[in-house]
Protein backbone atom coordinates (compact mmCIF):
# COMPACT_ATOMS: atom_id res chain seq x y z
CA MET A 1 -7.44 -11.29 17.53
CA SER A 2 -4.05 -12.39 18.88
CA ALA A 3 -1.06 -11.80 16.61
CA ASN A 4 0.60 -15.02 17.75
CA ILE A 5 0.35 -17.90 15.29
CA PRO A 6 0.89 -21.44 16.57
CA ALA A 7 3.62 -23.41 14.81
CA ASN A 8 1.30 -26.37 14.23
CA MET A 9 -0.82 -24.24 11.91
CA PHE A 10 1.86 -24.37 9.23
CA THR A 11 0.66 -27.42 7.34
CA LYS A 12 -0.67 -27.82 3.82
CA LYS A 13 -4.13 -28.42 5.25
CA ASN A 14 -4.15 -25.19 7.24
CA ILE A 15 -2.27 -22.84 4.92
CA LEU A 16 -5.38 -20.82 4.01
CA THR A 17 -6.24 -20.48 7.70
CA VAL A 18 -2.77 -19.09 8.32
CA LEU A 19 -3.21 -16.61 5.50
CA ILE A 20 -6.50 -15.36 6.94
CA VAL A 21 -5.01 -14.96 10.42
CA LEU A 22 -2.00 -13.05 9.08
CA SER A 23 -4.20 -10.75 7.01
CA ALA A 24 -6.32 -9.94 10.03
CA ILE A 25 -3.37 -8.56 11.99
CA LEU A 26 -1.83 -6.43 9.24
CA PRO A 27 -1.74 -2.64 9.58
CA VAL A 28 -3.83 -0.48 7.29
CA SER A 29 -0.69 1.22 5.99
CA ALA A 30 3.00 0.42 6.30
CA GLN A 31 3.71 4.15 5.76
CA ASP A 32 5.99 3.58 2.80
CA ALA A 33 4.34 6.05 0.43
CA ILE A 34 6.28 6.84 -2.75
CA GLY A 35 3.51 8.67 -4.63
CA GLU A 36 -0.23 8.68 -5.20
CA ILE A 37 -2.95 7.72 -7.65
CA THR A 38 -4.08 10.70 -9.75
CA TYR A 39 -6.66 9.01 -11.99
CA THR A 40 -8.45 5.67 -12.17
CA GLU A 41 -11.37 4.06 -13.94
CA GLY A 42 -12.70 0.59 -14.62
CA GLY A 43 -11.30 -2.57 -13.06
CA VAL A 44 -8.06 -2.04 -11.14
CA GLU A 45 -6.46 -4.30 -8.51
CA LEU A 46 -3.83 -3.22 -6.00
CA LEU A 47 -1.87 -5.94 -4.17
CA ARG A 48 -0.31 -4.66 -0.96
CA ASN A 49 0.67 -5.95 2.47
CA GLY A 50 -1.06 -9.30 2.13
CA GLU A 51 -4.31 -7.82 0.85
CA ILE A 52 -6.13 -7.20 -2.46
CA TYR A 53 -7.74 -3.80 -3.00
CA SER A 54 -10.17 -3.08 -5.85
CA GLY A 55 -13.29 -1.08 -6.69
CA ASN A 56 -13.81 1.87 -4.35
CA ASP A 57 -10.64 0.96 -2.45
CA VAL A 58 -8.52 2.12 -5.43
CA PHE A 59 -9.25 5.85 -5.58
CA ILE A 60 -7.75 9.17 -6.62
CA GLY A 61 -5.47 10.39 -3.86
CA ARG A 62 -4.67 6.94 -2.51
CA GLN A 63 -0.98 6.54 -1.81
CA ILE A 64 1.30 4.30 -3.83
CA GLU A 65 3.72 2.33 -1.66
CA ASN A 66 7.00 0.63 -2.33
CA LEU A 67 6.58 -2.98 -3.58
CA ASP A 68 2.97 -2.45 -4.68
CA LEU A 69 1.73 -4.57 -7.58
CA ILE A 70 -1.02 -3.11 -9.79
CA ASN A 71 -3.15 -4.97 -12.31
CA THR A 72 -5.69 -3.37 -14.65
CA GLU A 73 -8.50 -5.38 -16.20
CA SER A 74 -9.67 -5.07 -19.81
CA ASP A 75 -11.59 -1.87 -18.95
CA GLY A 76 -9.17 -0.56 -16.33
CA GLU A 77 -6.87 2.47 -16.47
CA LEU A 78 -4.77 4.21 -13.85
CA GLU A 79 -2.39 7.13 -13.57
CA ALA A 80 0.03 7.71 -10.71
CA GLU A 81 2.65 10.26 -9.75
CA ILE A 82 5.84 9.05 -8.08
CA THR A 83 7.13 11.70 -5.70
CA SER A 84 9.47 9.84 -3.36
CA SER A 85 12.67 11.44 -2.14
CA SER A 86 14.66 8.96 -4.19
CA ASN A 87 13.87 10.63 -7.52
CA SER A 88 12.68 13.97 -8.80
CA GLY A 89 9.33 12.70 -9.99
CA ALA A 90 7.64 10.58 -12.62
CA VAL A 91 4.12 10.30 -14.03
CA ILE A 92 2.96 6.81 -15.01
CA LYS A 93 -0.08 5.98 -17.16
CA ILE A 94 -1.26 2.39 -17.15
CA ALA A 95 -3.34 0.99 -20.02
CA PRO A 96 -5.93 -1.83 -19.77
CA ASN A 97 -4.69 -5.42 -19.38
CA THR A 98 -1.48 -4.32 -17.68
CA SER A 99 0.37 -5.71 -14.65
CA PHE A 100 3.44 -4.07 -13.15
CA THR A 101 5.35 -3.52 -9.92
CA PHE A 102 7.08 -0.70 -8.08
CA GLU A 103 10.41 -1.21 -6.35
CA ILE A 104 12.64 1.40 -4.75
CA ASN A 105 15.93 -0.08 -3.61
CA LYS A 106 18.93 1.52 -1.96
CA ILE A 107 22.14 -0.02 -3.31
CA GLY A 108 25.05 1.54 -1.48
CA SER A 109 24.63 5.27 -1.91
CA VAL A 110 22.41 4.90 -5.01
CA ASN A 111 18.62 5.10 -4.88
CA LYS A 112 17.20 2.98 -7.69
CA THR A 113 13.55 3.10 -8.73
CA SER A 114 12.50 0.11 -10.86
CA ILE A 115 9.20 -0.33 -12.65
CA GLY A 116 8.76 -3.98 -13.56
CA ILE A 117 6.29 -4.49 -16.39
CA ILE A 118 4.85 -8.00 -16.46
CA THR A 119 2.44 -7.55 -19.34
CA GLY A 120 0.58 -4.69 -21.03
CA THR A 121 1.45 -1.04 -21.73
CA ILE A 122 2.78 1.74 -19.53
CA SER A 123 3.67 5.31 -20.49
CA LEU A 124 6.09 7.33 -18.38
CA LYS A 125 7.23 10.91 -18.18
CA VAL A 126 10.33 11.01 -16.00
CA LYS A 127 11.78 14.32 -14.85
CA LYS A 128 15.51 14.84 -15.06
CA LEU A 129 17.23 12.93 -12.27
CA THR A 130 19.87 14.47 -10.07
CA GLY A 131 22.55 13.07 -7.81
CA LYS A 132 22.82 9.36 -7.14
CA ASN A 133 19.34 8.46 -8.33
CA GLU A 134 18.46 5.93 -11.02
CA PHE A 135 15.16 5.16 -12.74
CA GLU A 136 14.69 1.98 -14.73
CA VAL A 137 11.93 0.05 -16.44
CA ARG A 138 12.43 -3.71 -16.57
CA THR A 139 10.88 -6.32 -18.81
CA ASP A 140 11.74 -10.02 -18.97
CA SER A 141 14.54 -9.38 -21.45
CA THR A 142 15.46 -5.68 -21.33
CA VAL A 143 16.34 -2.87 -18.98
CA LEU A 144 15.47 0.70 -19.95
CA GLY A 145 17.61 3.35 -18.28
CA VAL A 146 16.28 6.91 -18.22
CA ARG A 147 17.33 10.23 -16.73
CA GLY A 148 14.58 12.43 -18.08
CA THR A 149 12.30 11.50 -20.93
CA SER A 150 8.78 10.62 -22.08
CA PHE A 151 8.27 7.13 -23.49
CA THR A 152 5.97 4.10 -23.70
CA VAL A 153 6.71 0.41 -23.21
CA THR A 154 4.38 -2.22 -24.68
CA ALA A 155 4.74 -5.89 -23.71
CA PRO A 156 2.04 -8.19 -25.12
CA PRO A 157 1.74 -11.77 -23.79
CA THR A 158 3.49 -13.04 -26.93
CA GLY A 159 6.85 -11.89 -25.52
CA GLU A 160 7.68 -8.97 -27.84
CA ILE A 161 8.69 -5.55 -26.54
CA LEU A 162 8.02 -2.20 -28.23
CA ILE A 163 9.57 1.05 -26.97
CA THR A 164 8.41 4.35 -28.40
CA CYS A 165 10.00 7.60 -27.24
CA ARG A 166 8.30 10.99 -27.50
CA GLU A 167 10.92 13.15 -25.77
CA GLY A 168 14.50 12.61 -24.67
CA ARG A 169 16.34 9.30 -25.03
CA VAL A 170 16.08 5.84 -23.48
CA LEU A 171 19.09 3.54 -23.18
CA ILE A 172 18.00 -0.06 -23.83
CA THR A 173 20.12 -3.02 -22.73
CA ASP A 174 19.14 -6.56 -23.62
CA ASN A 175 19.99 -9.72 -21.70
CA THR A 176 23.20 -10.21 -23.71
CA GLY A 177 24.48 -6.76 -22.79
CA LYS A 178 23.82 -5.22 -26.20
CA LYS A 179 22.80 -1.57 -26.03
CA LEU A 180 20.55 0.51 -28.25
CA MET A 181 19.15 4.02 -27.95
CA ALA A 182 15.46 4.83 -28.39
CA GLU A 183 14.73 8.42 -29.33
CA PRO A 184 12.05 10.47 -31.12
CA GLY A 185 11.66 9.45 -34.75
CA THR A 186 12.16 5.73 -34.13
CA ALA A 187 10.41 2.83 -32.45
CA VAL A 188 12.49 -0.03 -31.07
CA GLU A 189 11.14 -3.57 -31.34
CA ASN A 190 12.44 -6.78 -29.81
CA ARG A 191 11.02 -10.24 -30.51
CA PRO A 192 11.99 -13.37 -28.55
CA GLY A 193 15.15 -14.91 -29.93
CA GLU A 194 15.89 -11.94 -32.18
CA ILE A 195 18.01 -8.79 -31.88
CA PHE A 196 16.59 -5.29 -31.46
CA ARG A 197 15.60 -3.39 -34.53
CA SER A 198 14.75 0.29 -35.03
CA ILE A 199 11.70 1.31 -37.03
CA PRO A 200 11.36 4.89 -38.33
CA VAL A 201 8.14 6.45 -36.98
CA ALA A 202 7.19 10.11 -36.91
CA VAL A 203 6.48 11.41 -33.41
CA SER A 204 3.03 12.55 -34.58
CA SER A 205 2.21 8.96 -35.59
CA LEU A 206 3.45 7.14 -32.49
CA SER A 207 0.04 6.46 -30.94
CA ALA A 208 -1.43 5.01 -34.14
CA PHE A 209 1.71 2.97 -34.83
CA ARG A 210 1.70 1.55 -31.30
CA ARG A 211 -2.02 0.70 -31.47
CA ASP A 212 -1.68 -1.06 -34.82
CA TRP A 213 1.47 -2.91 -33.73
CA TYR A 214 -0.23 -4.23 -30.60
CA ALA A 215 -3.40 -5.21 -32.47
CA GLU A 216 -1.35 -7.14 -35.03
CA ARG A 217 0.52 -9.06 -32.33
CA ILE A 218 -2.71 -9.93 -30.52
CA GLU A 219 -4.32 -11.18 -33.73
CA VAL A 220 -1.34 -13.43 -34.40
CA PHE A 221 -1.49 -14.58 -30.82
CA LYS A 222 -5.19 -15.44 -31.01
CA LYS A 223 -4.46 -17.85 -33.83
CA ASN A 224 -2.05 -19.67 -31.49
CA ALA A 225 -4.00 -19.16 -28.26
CA LEU A 226 -4.39 -22.84 -27.38
CA LYS A 227 -0.69 -23.52 -27.95
CA ALA A 228 0.26 -20.55 -25.79
CA LEU A 229 -2.12 -21.57 -23.02
CA ARG A 230 -0.67 -25.10 -23.04
CA ALA A 231 2.82 -23.67 -22.57
CA TYR A 232 1.74 -21.32 -19.80
CA HIS A 233 -0.21 -24.11 -18.11
CA THR A 234 2.95 -26.23 -17.92
CA LEU A 235 4.89 -23.34 -16.38
CA TYR A 236 2.04 -22.53 -14.02
CA ILE A 237 2.02 -26.06 -12.59
CA LYS A 238 5.80 -25.98 -12.11
CA TYR A 239 6.10 -22.58 -10.47
CA HIS A 240 2.84 -22.82 -8.51
CA ARG A 241 4.26 -25.87 -6.78
CA GLU A 242 7.61 -24.16 -6.11
CA PHE A 243 5.87 -21.01 -4.88
CA ASN A 244 3.75 -22.94 -2.37
CA ILE A 245 6.77 -24.86 -1.09
CA GLU A 246 8.78 -21.68 -0.47
CA TYR A 247 5.77 -19.81 0.91
CA THR A 248 5.05 -22.54 3.46
CA SER A 249 8.74 -22.56 4.43
CA LEU A 250 8.72 -18.76 4.90
CA LEU A 251 5.66 -18.87 7.14
CA LYS A 252 7.36 -21.34 9.45
CA GLU A 253 9.34 -18.34 10.70
CA HIS A 254 6.09 -17.21 12.31
CA MET A 255 7.75 -15.92 15.47
CA VAL A 256 9.80 -13.38 13.52
CA LEU A 257 6.93 -12.53 11.15
CA ASN A 258 4.45 -11.97 13.99
CA LYS A 259 6.94 -9.68 15.71
CA TRP A 260 7.55 -7.67 12.52
CA PHE A 261 3.81 -7.36 11.80
CA LYS A 262 3.20 -6.13 15.34
CA GLU A 263 6.07 -3.67 15.18
CA ASP A 264 4.88 -2.32 11.85
CA LYS A 265 1.40 -1.81 13.22
CA GLU A 266 2.91 0.14 16.12
CA GLY A 267 5.33 2.06 13.88
CA LYS A 268 8.53 0.81 15.47
CA ILE A 269 11.50 -1.48 14.83
CA GLY A 270 13.27 -3.75 17.33
CA SER A 271 16.77 -3.47 18.75
CA LYS A 272 19.88 -3.91 16.62
CA ILE A 273 20.76 -7.19 18.31
CA ALA A 274 17.26 -8.58 17.71
CA LEU A 275 17.34 -7.35 14.09
CA MET A 276 20.55 -9.17 13.31
CA ARG A 277 19.10 -12.41 14.63
CA GLU A 278 15.76 -11.97 12.85
CA LYS A 279 17.23 -10.97 9.51
CA LYS A 280 19.50 -13.98 9.60
CA ARG A 281 16.46 -16.25 10.03
CA ILE A 282 14.52 -14.59 7.19
CA ILE A 283 17.12 -13.77 4.54
CA GLY A 284 17.53 -17.26 3.05
CA HIS A 285 13.77 -17.64 2.70
CA LEU A 286 13.49 -14.29 0.93
CA PHE A 287 16.28 -15.05 -1.52
CA ARG A 288 14.54 -18.24 -2.61
CA MET A 289 11.04 -16.78 -2.41
CA ARG A 290 11.85 -13.71 -4.47
CA ARG A 291 13.37 -15.74 -7.28
CA VAL A 292 10.33 -17.99 -7.51
CA LEU A 293 7.92 -15.04 -7.14
CA PHE A 294 9.58 -13.21 -10.03
CA MET A 295 8.63 -16.04 -12.37
CA PHE A 296 5.31 -16.96 -10.82
CA GLU A 297 3.91 -13.43 -11.02
CA ARG A 298 4.73 -13.23 -14.72
CA ILE A 299 3.11 -16.56 -15.47
CA TYR A 300 0.10 -15.88 -13.27
CA PHE A 301 -0.81 -12.44 -14.62
CA ARG A 302 -0.29 -13.47 -18.24
CA ILE A 303 -2.65 -16.40 -17.75
CA LEU A 304 -5.05 -13.92 -16.21
CA GLU A 305 -4.76 -11.72 -19.31
CA LEU A 306 -5.25 -14.75 -21.57
CA LYS A 307 -8.59 -15.31 -19.88
CA THR A 308 -9.86 -12.20 -21.66
CA TYR A 309 -9.23 -13.91 -25.01
CA TYR A 310 -10.39 -17.29 -23.73
CA ASP A 311 -13.73 -15.70 -22.81
CA GLU A 312 -13.94 -14.46 -26.42
CA GLY A 313 -13.59 -18.06 -27.64
CA TYR A 314 -9.83 -18.30 -28.21
CA GLY A 315 -7.75 -21.09 -26.67
CA ARG A 316 -10.56 -23.61 -26.20
CA GLY A 317 -9.55 -27.26 -26.15
CA MET A 318 -7.39 -29.73 -24.24
CA LEU A 319 -4.19 -28.62 -22.49
CA GLY A 320 -3.08 -32.18 -21.79
CA PRO A 321 -4.42 -35.62 -20.98
CA GLY A 322 -7.62 -35.12 -19.02
CA ILE A 323 -7.04 -31.35 -18.64
CA SER A 324 -9.25 -28.97 -20.59
CA ALA A 325 -8.81 -25.22 -20.82
CA ALA A 326 -12.26 -24.84 -19.25
CA GLY A 327 -11.30 -27.06 -16.31
CA PHE A 328 -8.00 -25.26 -15.84
CA TYR A 329 -9.65 -21.84 -15.70
CA ARG A 330 -12.28 -23.07 -13.24
CA LYS A 331 -9.48 -24.15 -10.91
CA PHE A 332 -7.47 -21.00 -11.64
CA ASN A 333 -10.43 -18.79 -10.72
CA SER A 334 -11.03 -20.71 -7.49
CA GLU A 335 -7.40 -20.14 -6.46
CA ARG A 336 -7.13 -16.48 -7.46
CA LYS A 337 -7.91 -14.72 -4.21
CA GLU A 338 -5.71 -16.98 -2.09
CA LEU A 339 -2.77 -16.82 -4.52
CA GLU A 340 -2.89 -13.04 -4.92
CA LYS A 341 -2.95 -12.60 -1.15
CA LYS A 342 0.05 -14.89 -0.85
CA MET A 343 1.96 -12.89 -3.47
CA ALA A 344 1.06 -9.66 -1.67
CA MET A 345 2.16 -11.20 1.64
CA VAL A 346 5.61 -12.04 0.27
CA ARG A 347 6.01 -8.49 -0.96
CA TYR A 348 5.00 -7.23 2.48
CA VAL A 349 7.66 -9.33 4.22
CA VAL A 350 10.26 -8.05 1.71
CA LYS A 351 9.17 -4.50 2.52
CA LEU A 352 9.53 -5.10 6.26
CA TYR A 353 12.98 -6.59 5.71
CA ALA A 354 14.08 -3.54 3.68
CA LYS A 355 12.89 -1.23 6.46
CA ARG A 356 15.24 -3.12 8.77
CA ASN A 357 18.06 -3.08 6.22
CA ARG A 358 18.54 0.67 5.57
CA GLY A 359 16.19 0.57 2.58
CA SER A 360 18.09 -2.17 0.78
CA LEU A 361 16.04 -5.08 -0.55
CA PRO A 362 17.27 -8.60 0.23
CA LEU A 363 17.75 -9.30 -3.46
CA ASP A 364 17.87 -6.98 -6.49
CA ILE A 365 15.48 -9.31 -8.26
CA PHE A 366 15.65 -7.58 -11.64
CA SER A 367 19.42 -7.68 -11.78
CA SER A 368 19.54 -11.23 -10.48
CA GLN A 369 17.23 -12.49 -13.22
CA PHE A 370 18.34 -10.14 -15.95
CA GLY A 371 20.80 -11.89 -18.18
CA SER A 372 20.73 -15.07 -16.10
CA THR A 373 21.46 -18.20 -18.06
CA ASP A 374 22.35 -20.70 -15.37
CA ASP A 375 18.97 -21.40 -13.85
CA GLY A 376 16.72 -21.76 -16.87
CA PHE A 377 14.46 -18.82 -15.97
CA GLY A 378 14.99 -17.02 -19.27
CA LYS A 379 14.55 -20.25 -21.19
CA ASP A 380 11.26 -20.98 -19.41
CA MET A 381 9.86 -17.58 -20.29
CA ASN A 382 10.81 -17.72 -23.97
CA MET A 383 7.52 -18.97 -25.34
CA ASN A 384 8.44 -17.66 -28.69
CA SER A 385 8.37 -18.92 -31.14
CA ASP A 386 5.71 -19.57 -33.57
CA PHE A 387 3.99 -16.28 -32.87
């Protein structure tokens, strides 16, 4: 199949056709390995380079690449080891009902590894970092800075955050700049609209405490499931529309994208003069696209998690005039494959840009959203409140 995509294909009517054509020309691997999967079971999805991998395609020994997004279903678990040259190693364990992203970004002379947790629970054991290397875990409202420690982050769909530390120390910074240290003997909890608080917990009791804490939050959530789904539905409509607008705009740069896809398949990069011209055409799209994607991914995967509870009978009812939860999920399910491929495609273009930009991403999305108060992003995601 030809890699050239006609400009007249970029219409609302033909957007799925464009997606299929783009997917067909992508390389099997962009050769951006930063680690590998060491254990997996149950339902696990890997979004990469415009494609969705699941089932037998997510296996022990498969490489993890920069800008991958991983989602585990209610029975899914995964472990991965990060062994890139930008840090001295980390082991990550992913619990069921968890969505998160990998990003390695070169900012000046600093190599920064960021794990972005969207929802669920991840446990990390990070070896001591050396030199100009940084390792962070990001949630919607906090950044966790580590240089060598073992800890767990739990982020239920209700918006709370729980950090439990087994070894070492974790520096926590909230979106107001307030700092707090998590260390063995305490758990740190943050609820939307409230300040951090430390809870004494013996290291030997951490697992039981974390399990009970999460179960309590989910039970409270189930009682408010319909209200939560209504709020997420409103955000989904808003950001789905914005995502599609920016995605269609990005794909209009098909001449540059086709060239980059072809070069990546052949393992090469164009001349410096061509790169300057191409990056200039793409950069504005990626700035806007990344900001919208940051929000849309969080809304999308939380709605996906809520489906687990909806299937158990929670959240049934009307979301608005003429819109039932059942009807919404029917439409949501019909859009899933296309939307996830689009999200994976955006991440692929960002990856290709970084490869042409000395490893630097076009936008440090975590820092740009973290603490932002001028664009309403934080306000939109604060679903607080009656949970």
